[in-house]
Amino acid sequence: MLPTFSEILKSLYGVYLLARRHPDAPAMFDCSVDGFWRSLFAAVLVLPAHILITVRTLMAVSPVDYGVEDGVTDLLIYIIAWLAYPALMVPITKVLGRGERVLDYMVPYNWASVPIGYLFGAIALAGMTGLVSPDMELGLNIGSYTTFH
């Protein structure tokens, strides 16, 4: 069950509205169980940015041999992280007495990962190309992380 192009655009517009604290933002998301499963497609959309960030991290740490097995391991970690966080949030929201709202949180959260992921990807690309210094890249990452997390 994949989201339609229209649902993707509507959800990403909803993320924009959320960032602007617009009262119509929640209406842009399908917060049903099916909508949640479709929102996981955001992981596919943001995967290129994640790969770029991984490559940049490997370049910054040290030159290492990185093979297919390492790539498969990283991909599995990526998938597990995308599934583990919602699995943890279900019991946490129940403990907090807000279990009925978990989808209202998780669906926008998943879609918001797309623009945030590409922001970090753009910073990584700027560092890889030498457009910004390593210190500036670090500052941009810290500033972005503190702003969006």
N, C-alpha and C. Protein backbone atom coordinates (compact mmCIF):
# COMPACT_ATOMS: atom_id res chain seq x y z
N MET A 1 0.84 -1.17 0.00
CA MET A 1 0.00 0.00 0.00
C MET A 1 0.89 1.25 0.00
N LEU A 2 1.04 1.79 -1.17
CA LEU A 2 1.87 2.98 -1.35
C LEU A 2 0.99 4.22 -1.35
N PRO A 3 1.54 5.33 -0.88
CA PRO A 3 0.77 6.57 -0.95
C PRO A 3 0.71 7.06 -2.39
N THR A 4 -0.35 7.75 -2.71
CA THR A 4 -0.44 8.36 -4.03
C THR A 4 0.46 9.59 -4.06
N PHE A 5 0.77 10.03 -5.26
CA PHE A 5 1.58 11.25 -5.40
C PHE A 5 0.87 12.42 -4.72
N SER A 6 -0.44 12.46 -4.86
CA SER A 6 -1.24 13.51 -4.23
C SER A 6 -1.12 13.47 -2.70
N GLU A 7 -1.15 12.25 -2.12
CA GLU A 7 -1.02 12.15 -0.66
C GLU A 7 0.37 12.58 -0.21
N ILE A 8 1.39 12.23 -0.98
CA ILE A 8 2.76 12.64 -0.64
C ILE A 8 2.85 14.16 -0.62
N LEU A 9 2.37 14.80 -1.68
CA LEU A 9 2.43 16.26 -1.75
C LEU A 9 1.61 16.91 -0.64
N LYS A 10 0.43 16.39 -0.38
CA LYS A 10 -0.42 16.93 0.67
C LYS A 10 0.26 16.80 2.03
N SER A 11 0.88 15.66 2.28
CA SER A 11 1.55 15.44 3.56
C SER A 11 2.77 16.34 3.72
N LEU A 12 3.54 16.50 2.65
CA LEU A 12 4.71 17.38 2.73
C LEU A 12 4.27 18.83 2.90
N TYR A 13 3.17 19.20 2.27
CA TYR A 13 2.62 20.54 2.50
C TYR A 13 2.16 20.67 3.96
N GLY A 14 1.62 19.59 4.51
CA GLY A 14 1.24 19.58 5.92
C GLY A 14 2.44 19.81 6.83
N VAL A 15 3.59 19.24 6.46
CA VAL A 15 4.82 19.47 7.23
C VAL A 15 5.17 20.96 7.19
N TYR A 16 5.07 21.56 6.01
CA TYR A 16 5.33 22.99 5.87
C TYR A 16 4.38 23.79 6.78
N LEU A 17 3.11 23.42 6.76
CA LEU A 17 2.14 24.12 7.60
C LEU A 17 2.44 23.92 9.09
N LEU A 18 2.86 22.71 9.45
CA LEU A 18 3.24 22.47 10.85
C LEU A 18 4.39 23.39 11.27
N ALA A 19 5.37 23.52 10.38
CA ALA A 19 6.52 24.38 10.69
C ALA A 19 6.09 25.83 10.89
N ARG A 20 5.03 26.22 10.20
CA ARG A 20 4.51 27.58 10.33
C ARG A 20 3.44 27.70 11.41
N ARG A 21 3.18 26.58 12.11
CA ARG A 21 2.17 26.51 13.18
C ARG A 21 0.78 26.90 12.68
N HIS A 22 0.49 26.50 11.48
CA HIS A 22 -0.81 26.80 10.87
C HIS A 22 -1.87 25.86 11.44
N PRO A 23 -3.02 26.36 11.79
CA PRO A 23 -4.05 25.51 12.41
C PRO A 23 -4.62 24.43 11.48
N ASP A 24 -4.47 24.58 10.17
CA ASP A 24 -4.98 23.58 9.23
C ASP A 24 -4.00 22.43 9.00
N ALA A 25 -2.83 22.48 9.59
CA ALA A 25 -1.81 21.46 9.33
C ALA A 25 -2.28 20.04 9.62
N PRO A 26 -2.91 19.77 10.76
CA PRO A 26 -3.31 18.37 11.03
C PRO A 26 -4.23 17.77 9.98
N ALA A 27 -5.03 18.59 9.32
CA ALA A 27 -5.96 18.09 8.31
C ALA A 27 -5.24 17.58 7.05
N MET A 28 -3.97 17.88 6.91
CA MET A 28 -3.21 17.47 5.73
C MET A 28 -2.72 16.02 5.81
N PHE A 29 -2.86 15.40 6.96
CA PHE A 29 -2.32 14.06 7.17
C PHE A 29 -3.45 13.04 7.34
N ASP A 30 -3.23 11.86 6.78
CA ASP A 30 -4.14 10.73 7.01
C ASP A 30 -3.60 9.97 8.21
N CYS A 31 -4.19 10.21 9.36
CA CYS A 31 -3.70 9.62 10.61
C CYS A 31 -4.42 8.33 10.97
N SER A 32 -4.87 7.61 9.97
CA SER A 32 -5.47 6.30 10.18
C SER A 32 -4.34 5.26 10.22
N VAL A 33 -4.69 4.02 10.53
CA VAL A 33 -3.69 2.95 10.52
C VAL A 33 -3.11 2.79 9.11
N ASP A 34 -3.97 2.82 8.09
CA ASP A 34 -3.48 2.73 6.71
C ASP A 34 -2.59 3.93 6.37
N GLY A 35 -2.99 5.11 6.83
CA GLY A 35 -2.19 6.30 6.60
C GLY A 35 -0.82 6.20 7.26
N PHE A 36 -0.78 5.57 8.43
CA PHE A 36 0.52 5.36 9.10
C PHE A 36 1.42 4.49 8.23
N TRP A 37 0.90 3.37 7.76
CA TRP A 37 1.72 2.47 6.95
C TRP A 37 2.18 3.16 5.67
N ARG A 38 1.33 3.98 5.08
CA ARG A 38 1.74 4.72 3.88
C ARG A 38 2.78 5.79 4.22
N SER A 39 2.71 6.35 5.43
CA SER A 39 3.68 7.38 5.83
C SER A 39 5.09 6.81 5.95
N LEU A 40 5.20 5.50 6.11
CA LEU A 40 6.53 4.89 6.16
C LEU A 40 7.24 4.97 4.81
N PHE A 41 6.50 5.30 3.75
CA PHE A 41 7.12 5.52 2.44
C PHE A 41 8.09 6.69 2.50
N ALA A 42 7.94 7.54 3.49
CA ALA A 42 8.89 8.65 3.68
C ALA A 42 10.31 8.11 3.83
N ALA A 43 10.45 6.92 4.38
CA ALA A 43 11.78 6.31 4.53
C ALA A 43 12.42 6.08 3.16
N VAL A 44 11.61 5.73 2.18
CA VAL A 44 12.11 5.52 0.81
C VAL A 44 12.50 6.87 0.21
N LEU A 45 11.68 7.88 0.45
CA LEU A 45 11.96 9.20 -0.12
C LEU A 45 13.24 9.82 0.45
N VAL A 46 13.50 9.59 1.71
CA VAL A 46 14.65 10.23 2.36
C VAL A 46 15.91 9.35 2.28
N LEU A 47 15.79 8.13 1.78
CA LEU A 47 16.95 7.23 1.71
C LEU A 47 18.13 7.82 0.93
N PRO A 48 17.94 8.49 -0.22
CA PRO A 48 19.11 9.08 -0.90
C PRO A 48 19.87 10.08 -0.02
N ALA A 49 19.15 10.87 0.74
CA ALA A 49 19.82 11.82 1.64
C ALA A 49 20.57 11.06 2.73
N HIS A 50 19.97 10.00 3.22
CA HIS A 50 20.64 9.18 4.26
C HIS A 50 21.93 8.57 3.71
N ILE A 51 21.88 8.09 2.48
CA ILE A 51 23.09 7.52 1.86
C ILE A 51 24.16 8.58 1.73
N LEU A 52 23.78 9.78 1.31
CA LEU A 52 24.73 10.89 1.18
C LEU A 52 25.37 11.22 2.53
N ILE A 53 24.56 11.25 3.57
CA ILE A 53 25.07 11.54 4.92
C ILE A 53 26.02 10.43 5.37
N THR A 54 25.68 9.19 5.07
CA THR A 54 26.55 8.06 5.43
C THR A 54 27.89 8.15 4.72
N VAL A 55 27.86 8.46 3.43
CA VAL A 55 29.10 8.60 2.67
C VAL A 55 29.94 9.73 3.25
N ARG A 56 29.31 10.84 3.56
CA ARG A 56 30.04 11.98 4.14
C ARG A 56 30.65 11.61 5.48
N THR A 57 29.93 10.87 6.28
CA THR A 57 30.45 10.45 7.58
C THR A 57 31.67 9.56 7.39
N LEU A 58 31.59 8.63 6.46
CA LEU A 58 32.73 7.76 6.19
C LEU A 58 33.94 8.56 5.71
N MET A 59 33.70 9.57 4.89
CA MET A 59 34.79 10.41 4.40
C MET A 59 35.43 11.20 5.53
N ALA A 60 34.60 11.67 6.46
CA ALA A 60 35.09 12.52 7.54
C ALA A 60 35.85 11.73 8.60
N VAL A 61 35.41 10.50 8.85
CA VAL A 61 36.03 9.72 9.91
C VAL A 61 37.41 9.25 9.48
N SER A 62 37.47 8.49 8.45
CA SER A 62 38.74 8.04 7.89
C SER A 62 38.44 7.16 6.69
N PRO A 63 39.37 7.09 5.79
CA PRO A 63 39.14 6.20 4.64
C PRO A 63 39.15 4.74 5.12
N VAL A 64 38.06 4.06 4.88
CA VAL A 64 37.95 2.66 5.28
C VAL A 64 37.41 1.86 4.10
N ASP A 65 37.67 0.57 4.16
CA ASP A 65 37.07 -0.31 3.16
C ASP A 65 35.60 -0.47 3.52
N TYR A 66 34.75 -0.15 2.59
CA TYR A 66 33.31 -0.22 2.80
C TYR A 66 32.75 -1.07 1.68
N GLY A 67 32.31 -2.26 2.04
CA GLY A 67 31.85 -3.18 1.02
C GLY A 67 30.34 -3.35 1.00
N VAL A 68 29.91 -4.30 0.19
CA VAL A 68 28.49 -4.58 0.04
C VAL A 68 27.89 -5.02 1.38
N GLU A 69 28.63 -5.84 2.13
CA GLU A 69 28.12 -6.29 3.43
C GLU A 69 27.88 -5.11 4.36
N ASP A 70 28.78 -4.14 4.35
CA ASP A 70 28.60 -2.95 5.18
C ASP A 70 27.37 -2.16 4.73
N GLY A 71 27.18 -2.07 3.42
CA GLY A 71 26.01 -1.37 2.90
C GLY A 71 24.71 -2.06 3.29
N VAL A 72 24.69 -3.37 3.21
CA VAL A 72 23.50 -4.13 3.61
C VAL A 72 23.24 -3.95 5.11
N THR A 73 24.30 -3.99 5.90
CA THR A 73 24.16 -3.78 7.35
C THR A 73 23.58 -2.40 7.64
N ASP A 74 24.10 -1.38 6.98
CA ASP A 74 23.58 -0.02 7.19
C ASP A 74 22.12 0.09 6.75
N LEU A 75 21.77 -0.55 5.65
CA LEU A 75 20.39 -0.52 5.18
C LEU A 75 19.46 -1.22 6.18
N LEU A 76 19.88 -2.34 6.72
CA LEU A 76 19.07 -3.03 7.72
C LEU A 76 18.90 -2.19 8.98
N ILE A 77 19.94 -1.52 9.41
CA ILE A 77 19.85 -0.63 10.57
C ILE A 77 18.86 0.50 10.28
N TYR A 78 18.91 1.04 9.08
CA TYR A 78 17.99 2.10 8.66
C TYR A 78 16.54 1.63 8.75
N ILE A 79 16.28 0.45 8.21
CA ILE A 79 14.92 -0.11 8.23
C ILE A 79 14.47 -0.38 9.65
N ILE A 80 15.33 -0.98 10.45
CA ILE A 80 14.98 -1.29 11.84
C ILE A 80 14.68 -0.01 12.61
N ALA A 81 15.47 1.02 12.39
CA ALA A 81 15.23 2.29 13.10
C ALA A 81 13.88 2.87 12.73
N TRP A 82 13.51 2.78 11.45
CA TRP A 82 12.22 3.30 11.01
C TRP A 82 11.06 2.53 11.63
N LEU A 83 11.26 1.26 11.90
CA LEU A 83 10.19 0.44 12.48
C LEU A 83 10.23 0.42 14.00
N ALA A 84 11.42 0.53 14.58
CA ALA A 84 11.55 0.45 16.03
C ALA A 84 10.95 1.66 16.74
N TYR A 85 11.15 2.85 16.18
CA TYR A 85 10.65 4.05 16.86
C TYR A 85 9.13 4.01 17.02
N PRO A 86 8.36 3.72 15.97
CA PRO A 86 6.91 3.61 16.18
C PRO A 86 6.55 2.50 17.16
N ALA A 87 7.28 1.39 17.09
CA ALA A 87 7.00 0.28 18.01
C ALA A 87 7.23 0.69 19.46
N LEU A 88 8.19 1.56 19.70
CA LEU A 88 8.43 2.06 21.06
C LEU A 88 7.41 3.11 21.46
N MET A 89 6.96 3.90 20.51
CA MET A 89 6.03 4.98 20.84
C MET A 89 4.64 4.47 21.24
N VAL A 90 4.24 3.32 20.73
CA VAL A 90 2.91 2.80 21.09
C VAL A 90 2.80 2.57 22.60
N PRO A 91 3.70 1.81 23.23
CA PRO A 91 3.56 1.63 24.68
C PRO A 91 3.85 2.92 25.48
N ILE A 92 4.74 3.74 24.97
CA ILE A 92 5.06 4.98 25.69
C ILE A 92 3.83 5.89 25.73
N THR A 93 3.14 6.04 24.60
CA THR A 93 1.95 6.90 24.60
C THR A 93 0.84 6.31 25.46
N LYS A 94 0.78 4.99 25.55
CA LYS A 94 -0.22 4.36 26.43
C LYS A 94 0.09 4.66 27.89
N VAL A 95 1.36 4.59 28.28
CA VAL A 95 1.76 4.91 29.66
C VAL A 95 1.43 6.37 29.97
N LEU A 96 1.59 7.22 28.99
CA LEU A 96 1.31 8.65 29.18
C LEU A 96 -0.19 8.96 29.10
N GLY A 97 -0.99 7.93 28.85
CA GLY A 97 -2.43 8.13 28.75
C GLY A 97 -2.86 8.78 27.45
N ARG A 98 -2.02 8.68 26.42
CA ARG A 98 -2.30 9.30 25.13
C ARG A 98 -2.23 8.30 23.98
N GLY A 99 -2.44 7.03 24.28
CA GLY A 99 -2.33 5.99 23.27
C GLY A 99 -3.20 6.21 22.06
N GLU A 100 -4.36 6.83 22.25
CA GLU A 100 -5.26 7.07 21.13
C GLU A 100 -4.71 8.12 20.16
N ARG A 101 -3.69 8.83 20.56
CA ARG A 101 -3.13 9.91 19.72
C ARG A 101 -1.81 9.53 19.04
N VAL A 102 -1.38 8.28 19.20
CA VAL A 102 -0.08 7.89 18.66
C VAL A 102 0.00 8.11 17.15
N LEU A 103 -1.08 7.83 16.43
CA LEU A 103 -1.04 8.03 14.98
C LEU A 103 -1.04 9.51 14.61
N ASP A 104 -1.68 10.32 15.44
CA ASP A 104 -1.67 11.78 15.21
C ASP A 104 -0.25 12.33 15.33
N TYR A 105 0.59 11.63 16.07
CA TYR A 105 1.99 12.03 16.24
C TYR A 105 2.88 11.38 15.17
N MET A 106 2.73 10.06 14.99
CA MET A 106 3.66 9.31 14.15
C MET A 106 3.56 9.66 12.67
N VAL A 107 2.36 9.87 12.16
CA VAL A 107 2.21 10.15 10.72
C VAL A 107 2.91 11.46 10.34
N PRO A 108 2.63 12.58 11.01
CA PRO A 108 3.38 13.80 10.66
C PRO A 108 4.89 13.66 10.93
N TYR A 109 5.24 12.96 12.00
CA TYR A 109 6.66 12.74 12.31
C TYR A 109 7.37 12.05 11.14
N ASN A 110 6.75 11.00 10.61
CA ASN A 110 7.36 10.29 9.49
C ASN A 110 7.52 11.20 8.27
N TRP A 111 6.47 11.92 7.93
CA TRP A 111 6.56 12.79 6.75
C TRP A 111 7.55 13.93 6.97
N ALA A 112 7.68 14.41 8.20
CA ALA A 112 8.62 15.51 8.48
C ALA A 112 10.07 15.09 8.30
N SER A 113 10.32 13.79 8.33
CA SER A 113 11.69 13.32 8.15
C SER A 113 12.22 13.62 6.75
N VAL A 114 11.34 13.82 5.79
CA VAL A 114 11.79 14.05 4.40
C VAL A 114 12.52 15.40 4.27
N PRO A 115 11.88 16.52 4.57
CA PRO A 115 12.63 17.78 4.41
C PRO A 115 13.80 17.90 5.39
N ILE A 116 13.63 17.36 6.59
CA ILE A 116 14.73 17.43 7.56
C ILE A 116 15.91 16.58 7.08
N GLY A 117 15.62 15.40 6.55
CA GLY A 117 16.68 14.54 6.03
C GLY A 117 17.44 15.21 4.89
N TYR A 118 16.71 15.89 4.02
CA TYR A 118 17.38 16.56 2.90
C TYR A 118 18.13 17.81 3.33
N LEU A 119 17.70 18.43 4.41
CA LEU A 119 18.48 19.55 4.96
C LEU A 119 19.86 19.04 5.39
N PHE A 120 19.87 17.93 6.15
CA PHE A 120 21.14 17.36 6.58
C PHE A 120 21.93 16.81 5.39
N GLY A 121 21.24 16.29 4.38
CA GLY A 121 21.91 15.85 3.17
C GLY A 121 22.58 17.00 2.43
N ALA A 122 21.90 18.14 2.37
CA ALA A 122 22.47 19.32 1.71
C ALA A 122 23.71 19.82 2.46
N ILE A 123 23.66 19.76 3.78
CA ILE A 123 24.83 20.15 4.58
C ILE A 123 25.99 19.20 4.31
N ALA A 124 25.69 17.90 4.25
CA ALA A 124 26.74 16.91 3.96
C ALA A 124 27.34 17.15 2.58
N LEU A 125 26.47 17.43 1.60
CA LEU A 125 26.95 17.69 0.24
C LEU A 125 27.82 18.95 0.19
N ALA A 126 27.41 19.97 0.93
CA ALA A 126 28.22 21.20 0.97
C ALA A 126 29.59 20.92 1.58
N GLY A 127 29.63 20.06 2.58
CA GLY A 127 30.92 19.68 3.17
C GLY A 127 31.75 18.83 2.23
N MET A 128 31.11 17.90 1.52
CA MET A 128 31.84 17.02 0.59
C MET A 128 32.47 17.80 -0.56
N THR A 129 31.79 18.81 -1.02
CA THR A 129 32.27 19.57 -2.18
C THR A 129 33.20 20.71 -1.78
N GLY A 130 33.36 20.93 -0.48
CA GLY A 130 34.23 22.01 -0.02
C GLY A 130 33.56 23.37 -0.06
N LEU A 131 32.26 23.38 -0.27
CA LEU A 131 31.52 24.64 -0.30
C LEU A 131 31.56 25.32 1.06
N VAL A 132 31.60 24.52 2.11
CA VAL A 132 31.74 25.05 3.47
C VAL A 132 32.91 24.34 4.13
N SER A 133 33.52 25.00 5.10
CA SER A 133 34.63 24.41 5.83
C SER A 133 34.10 23.33 6.78
N PRO A 134 34.97 22.44 7.24
CA PRO A 134 34.52 21.43 8.21
C PRO A 134 33.91 22.05 9.47
N ASP A 135 34.47 23.16 9.94
CA ASP A 135 33.90 23.82 11.12
C ASP A 135 32.51 24.38 10.82
N MET A 136 32.33 24.96 9.64
CA MET A 136 31.02 25.49 9.26
C MET A 136 30.02 24.35 9.11
N GLU A 137 30.46 23.25 8.52
CA GLU A 137 29.58 22.08 8.36
C GLU A 137 29.11 21.59 9.73
N LEU A 138 30.04 21.51 10.66
CA LEU A 138 29.69 21.08 12.01
C LEU A 138 28.70 22.06 12.65
N GLY A 139 28.95 23.35 12.49
CA GLY A 139 28.05 24.36 13.04
C GLY A 139 26.66 24.28 12.42
N LEU A 140 26.60 24.07 11.12
CA LEU A 140 25.30 23.94 10.46
C LEU A 140 24.55 22.70 10.94
N ASN A 141 25.28 21.61 11.12
CA ASN A 141 24.65 20.39 11.63
C ASN A 141 24.13 20.58 13.05
N ILE A 142 24.93 21.18 13.90
CA ILE A 142 24.51 21.41 15.28
C ILE A 142 23.30 22.35 15.31
N GLY A 143 23.38 23.43 14.55
CA GLY A 143 22.27 24.38 14.50
C GLY A 143 21.00 23.75 13.99
N SER A 144 21.11 22.95 12.94
CA SER A 144 19.93 22.27 12.39
C SER A 144 19.38 21.25 13.37
N TYR A 145 20.27 20.51 13.99
CA TYR A 145 19.81 19.48 14.93
C TYR A 145 19.09 20.12 16.12
N THR A 146 19.64 21.19 16.66
CA THR A 146 18.99 21.81 17.80
C THR A 146 17.67 22.49 17.41
N THR A 147 17.55 22.90 16.18
CA THR A 147 16.33 23.53 15.71
C THR A 147 15.22 22.52 15.46
N PHE A 148 15.58 21.36 14.90
CA PHE A 148 14.55 20.41 14.46
C PHE A 148 14.41 19.18 15.33
N HIS A 149 15.17 19.02 16.39
CA HIS A 149 15.02 17.83 17.24
C HIS A 149 14.73 18.20 18.65
